[in-house]
């Protein structure tokens, strides 16, 4: 018992010292977040306010070079409150509150032809791809990705979250003009990847449906409905 206490105490000291160095923690956050979203992530300012608050200004998630938009997402200000103890012990990381202010979402859809053969001969299928990795899976009815088994699975949960004053930019390759859509304000509770709670991917689906509902271009609405099965 004494040995466990000493290890926990030393771990806490190391983490506190590390967090006091804003530059180190900023690099750590960028590395982890970039790895999670599988995209390049940039930010202007990062502050850790002891004991449990992170403030981020002008965070950007970069798009790949094959798309029209340079970004997938950006936000002027993000505030994160952590349950610090959950990051020291256990397998569940808890974020008590997440606030995203003035986010900008960039949704881009491209239309492609997929040639294949069956018993009746050559067949051309229209498929869609987007810059958030959802349209291709749906249009080609691809199975869920199988992740390698981990020795230790670390899950997370966000107890309360709020997204306000968001705008979505929508570009579809077969239509010349882009759409600029003012989004609803959102509040969510208990989301993450922990079993028994609302999955964080469901939040993305809700926001996509909000984009669909507020889109005024009939052609775009039809395409969005077809792609995302609204």
Protein backbone atom coordinates (compact mmCIF):
# COMPACT_ATOMS: atom_id res chain seq x y z
CA UNK A 1 0.00 0.00 0.00
CA UNK A 2 2.84 2.34 0.96
CA UNK A 3 4.66 1.55 -2.30
CA UNK A 4 1.56 2.38 -4.36
CA UNK A 5 1.17 5.69 -2.52
CA UNK A 6 4.78 6.65 -3.22
CA UNK A 7 4.41 5.79 -6.93
CA UNK A 8 1.18 7.80 -7.17
CA UNK A 9 2.77 10.74 -5.32
CA UNK A 10 5.86 10.76 -7.54
CA UNK A 11 3.69 10.44 -10.66
CA UNK A 12 1.59 13.40 -9.52
CA UNK A 13 4.69 15.53 -8.94
CA UNK A 14 6.07 14.67 -12.38
CA UNK A 15 2.80 15.52 -14.08
CA UNK A 16 2.40 18.79 -12.18
CA UNK A 17 5.95 19.85 -13.05
CA UNK A 18 5.33 18.92 -16.68
CA UNK A 19 2.06 20.80 -16.82
CA UNK A 20 3.73 23.88 -15.37
CA UNK A 21 5.82 24.00 -18.51
CA UNK A 22 3.26 25.29 -21.01
CA UNK A 23 5.44 24.61 -24.03
CA UNK A 24 5.94 20.95 -23.19
CA UNK A 25 2.25 20.40 -22.51
CA UNK A 26 1.28 22.23 -25.69
CA UNK A 27 3.50 19.91 -27.75
CA UNK A 28 2.12 16.90 -25.90
CA UNK A 29 -1.47 18.00 -26.59
CA UNK A 30 -0.77 18.65 -30.27
CA UNK A 31 0.85 15.23 -30.67
CA UNK A 32 -1.98 13.35 -28.95
CA UNK A 33 -4.79 15.27 -30.64
CA UNK A 34 -3.18 15.01 -34.10
CA UNK A 35 -2.80 11.26 -33.59
CA UNK A 36 -6.43 10.93 -32.55
CA UNK A 37 -7.92 12.87 -35.50
CA UNK A 38 -5.21 11.59 -37.91
CA UNK A 39 -4.70 15.13 -39.22
CA UNK A 40 -2.28 17.98 -38.71
CA UNK A 41 -3.42 20.23 -35.86
CA UNK A 42 -2.32 23.83 -35.26
CA UNK A 43 -3.16 26.32 -32.54
CA UNK A 44 -2.26 29.90 -31.71
CA UNK A 45 -2.25 29.88 -27.92
CA UNK A 46 -2.40 27.18 -25.26
CA UNK A 47 -2.75 27.72 -21.52
CA UNK A 48 -2.98 25.25 -18.68
CA UNK A 49 -4.48 26.89 -15.61
CA UNK A 50 -3.78 24.79 -12.55
CA UNK A 51 -5.38 22.59 -11.39
CA UNK A 52 -7.79 21.53 -14.13
CA UNK A 53 -8.46 24.06 -16.91
CA UNK A 54 -7.12 24.22 -20.46
CA UNK A 55 -7.73 27.25 -22.68
CA UNK A 56 -7.03 27.06 -26.42
CA UNK A 57 -7.23 29.87 -28.95
CA UNK A 58 -7.59 29.47 -32.71
CA UNK A 59 -7.28 25.73 -33.04
CA UNK A 60 -7.20 24.43 -36.62
CA UNK A 61 -7.45 20.92 -38.07
CA UNK A 62 -5.86 20.80 -41.52
CA UNK A 63 -7.43 19.16 -44.55
CA UNK A 64 -5.51 16.95 -46.96
CA UNK A 65 -4.17 18.53 -50.17
CA UNK A 66 -6.72 16.71 -52.32
CA UNK A 67 -9.59 18.85 -51.12
CA UNK A 68 -10.79 22.38 -51.91
CA UNK A 69 -10.73 23.65 -48.32
CA UNK A 70 -7.48 24.07 -46.41
CA UNK A 71 -9.17 23.18 -43.12
CA UNK A 72 -11.68 20.72 -41.76
CA UNK A 73 -12.33 22.62 -38.54
CA UNK A 74 -11.29 25.69 -36.61
CA UNK A 75 -12.49 27.41 -33.45
CA UNK A 76 -11.68 30.77 -31.91
CA UNK A 77 -11.79 29.51 -28.33
CA UNK A 78 -12.00 26.15 -26.59
CA UNK A 79 -12.26 25.69 -22.83
CA UNK A 80 -11.68 22.29 -21.23
CA UNK A 81 -12.17 21.38 -17.58
CA UNK A 82 -10.63 18.08 -16.50
CA UNK A 83 -11.20 15.66 -13.68
CA UNK A 84 -7.49 15.68 -12.94
CA UNK A 85 -7.60 12.58 -10.74
CA UNK A 86 -8.96 10.47 -13.62
CA UNK A 87 -5.79 11.23 -15.62
CA UNK A 88 -3.64 9.84 -12.80
CA UNK A 89 -5.41 6.58 -12.01
CA UNK A 90 -7.87 4.25 -13.72
CA UNK A 91 -8.75 3.59 -17.35
CA UNK A 92 -11.42 6.29 -17.82
CA UNK A 93 -10.41 9.87 -18.62
CA UNK A 94 -13.10 12.35 -17.54
CA UNK A 95 -13.65 15.81 -19.00
CA UNK A 96 -16.15 17.58 -16.78
CA UNK A 97 -16.91 20.44 -19.16
CA UNK A 98 -16.05 21.29 -22.79
CA UNK A 99 -16.99 24.62 -24.39
CA UNK A 100 -16.33 25.31 -28.09
CA UNK A 101 -16.95 28.90 -29.21
CA UNK A 102 -17.39 30.12 -32.79
CA UNK A 103 -16.39 26.89 -34.53
CA UNK A 104 -16.13 26.69 -38.30
CA UNK A 105 -16.79 23.34 -39.98
CA UNK A 106 -15.74 22.67 -43.57
CA UNK A 107 -17.64 19.82 -45.23
CA UNK A 108 -16.52 18.85 -48.71
CA UNK A 109 -18.04 16.08 -50.82
CA UNK A 110 -16.60 14.68 -54.05
CA UNK A 111 -18.46 12.45 -56.49
CA UNK A 112 -16.63 9.62 -58.27
CA UNK A 113 -17.39 6.75 -60.63
CA UNK A 114 -16.39 3.26 -59.60
CA UNK A 115 -16.14 0.74 -62.44
CA UNK A 116 -16.70 -2.94 -61.66
CA UNK A 117 -17.80 -6.16 -63.31
CA UNK A 118 -20.54 -8.59 -62.43
CA UNK A 119 -22.40 -11.40 -64.24
CA UNK A 120 -24.23 -8.90 -66.45
CA UNK A 121 -21.00 -7.18 -67.56
CA UNK A 122 -19.41 -3.80 -66.80
CA UNK A 123 -21.08 -1.74 -64.13
CA UNK A 124 -20.53 1.88 -63.13
CA UNK A 125 -21.35 2.88 -59.58
CA UNK A 126 -21.49 6.45 -58.32
CA UNK A 127 -19.75 6.79 -54.97
CA UNK A 128 -19.15 9.74 -52.68
CA UNK A 129 -16.20 10.67 -50.52
CA UNK A 130 -15.90 13.47 -48.00
CA UNK A 131 -13.16 15.07 -45.95
CA UNK A 132 -14.45 13.63 -42.66
CA UNK A 133 -14.27 9.97 -43.69
CA UNK A 134 -17.97 9.12 -43.47
CA UNK A 135 -19.45 9.33 -47.01
CA UNK A 136 -17.22 6.62 -48.53
CA UNK A 137 -18.10 4.12 -45.82
CA UNK A 138 -21.83 4.71 -46.30
CA UNK A 139 -21.88 4.89 -50.12
CA UNK A 140 -19.82 1.70 -50.50
CA UNK A 141 -21.39 -0.02 -47.48
CA UNK A 142 -17.95 -0.70 -46.00
CA UNK A 143 -17.66 -2.65 -42.72
CA UNK A 144 -16.50 -0.96 -39.54
CA UNK A 145 -12.75 -0.68 -39.15
CA UNK A 146 -11.30 -3.43 -36.99
CA UNK A 147 -8.84 -1.97 -34.51
CA UNK A 148 -5.99 -4.07 -33.10
CA UNK A 149 -6.54 -5.44 -29.62
CA UNK A 150 -4.93 -3.32 -26.92
CA UNK A 151 -3.48 -4.62 -23.68
CA UNK A 152 -5.03 -1.64 -21.93
CA UNK A 153 -7.96 0.30 -23.34
CA UNK A 154 -8.23 3.92 -22.19
CA UNK A 155 -11.71 5.39 -22.66
CA UNK A 156 -12.99 8.91 -22.17
CA UNK A 157 -16.24 10.65 -21.31
CA UNK A 158 -17.29 14.31 -21.54
CA UNK A 159 -19.87 15.04 -18.86
CA UNK A 160 -21.07 18.37 -20.27
CA UNK A 161 -20.32 20.09 -23.57
CA UNK A 162 -21.52 23.18 -25.38
CA UNK A 163 -20.98 24.33 -28.97
CA UNK A 164 -22.09 27.87 -29.81
CA UNK A 165 -22.15 30.28 -32.77
CA UNK A 166 -21.02 27.67 -35.28
CA UNK A 167 -20.92 28.03 -39.05
CA UNK A 168 -20.63 25.24 -41.63
CA UNK A 169 -19.19 25.65 -45.13
CA UNK A 170 -20.43 23.03 -47.58
CA UNK A 171 -18.83 22.31 -50.97
CA UNK A 172 -20.04 19.55 -53.31
CA UNK A 173 -17.89 18.87 -56.38
CA UNK A 174 -20.82 18.63 -58.80
CA UNK A 175 -22.20 22.03 -57.73
CA UNK A 176 -20.26 25.25 -58.31
CA UNK A 177 -21.22 27.40 -55.32
CA UNK A 178 -20.52 26.66 -51.67
CA UNK A 179 -23.07 27.03 -48.88
CA UNK A 180 -22.53 29.03 -45.71
CA UNK A 181 -24.83 27.73 -42.99
CA UNK A 182 -25.36 29.12 -39.51
CA UNK A 183 -25.63 26.15 -37.17
CA UNK A 184 -27.76 25.57 -34.12
CA UNK A 185 -26.23 25.88 -30.69
CA UNK A 186 -25.66 22.45 -29.16
CA UNK A 187 -25.46 21.09 -25.63
CA UNK A 188 -24.58 17.46 -24.92
CA UNK A 189 -24.17 15.43 -21.75
CA UNK A 190 -22.22 12.25 -21.09
CA UNK A 191 -20.66 11.57 -24.48
CA UNK A 192 -17.48 9.66 -25.28
CA UNK A 193 -16.40 6.13 -26.13
CA UNK A 194 -17.22 4.52 -22.79
CA UNK A 195 -19.82 1.74 -22.95
CA UNK A 196 -23.25 2.83 -21.74
CA UNK A 197 -22.90 6.47 -22.84
CA UNK A 198 -23.73 8.31 -26.06
CA UNK A 199 -20.89 7.76 -28.53
CA UNK A 200 -19.03 10.87 -29.66
CA UNK A 201 -19.61 9.91 -33.32
CA UNK A 202 -23.34 10.36 -32.74
CA UNK A 203 -22.65 14.03 -32.03
CA UNK A 204 -21.13 14.39 -35.50
CA UNK A 205 -24.22 12.75 -37.02
CA UNK A 206 -26.47 15.19 -35.17
CA UNK A 207 -24.48 18.14 -36.48
CA UNK A 208 -24.55 16.75 -40.03
CA UNK A 209 -28.32 16.48 -39.77
CA UNK A 210 -28.41 20.12 -38.64
CA UNK A 211 -26.42 21.07 -41.76
CA UNK A 212 -28.88 19.07 -43.89
CA UNK A 213 -31.89 20.68 -42.24
CA UNK A 214 -30.59 24.22 -42.73
CA UNK A 215 -29.32 23.77 -46.30
CA UNK A 216 -31.53 25.76 -48.70
CA UNK A 217 -30.13 24.46 -52.01
CA UNK A 218 -32.49 21.67 -53.10
CA UNK A 219 -29.83 19.87 -55.18
CA UNK A 220 -27.43 19.83 -52.26
CA UNK A 221 -30.14 18.60 -49.90
CA UNK A 222 -30.85 15.67 -52.20
CA UNK A 223 -27.18 14.73 -52.39
CA UNK A 224 -26.66 15.07 -48.64
CA UNK A 225 -29.75 12.95 -47.99
CA UNK A 226 -28.51 10.28 -50.38
CA UNK A 227 -25.00 10.23 -48.91
CA UNK A 228 -25.76 10.29 -45.19
CA UNK A 229 -29.09 8.40 -45.32
CA UNK A 230 -31.15 11.11 -43.61
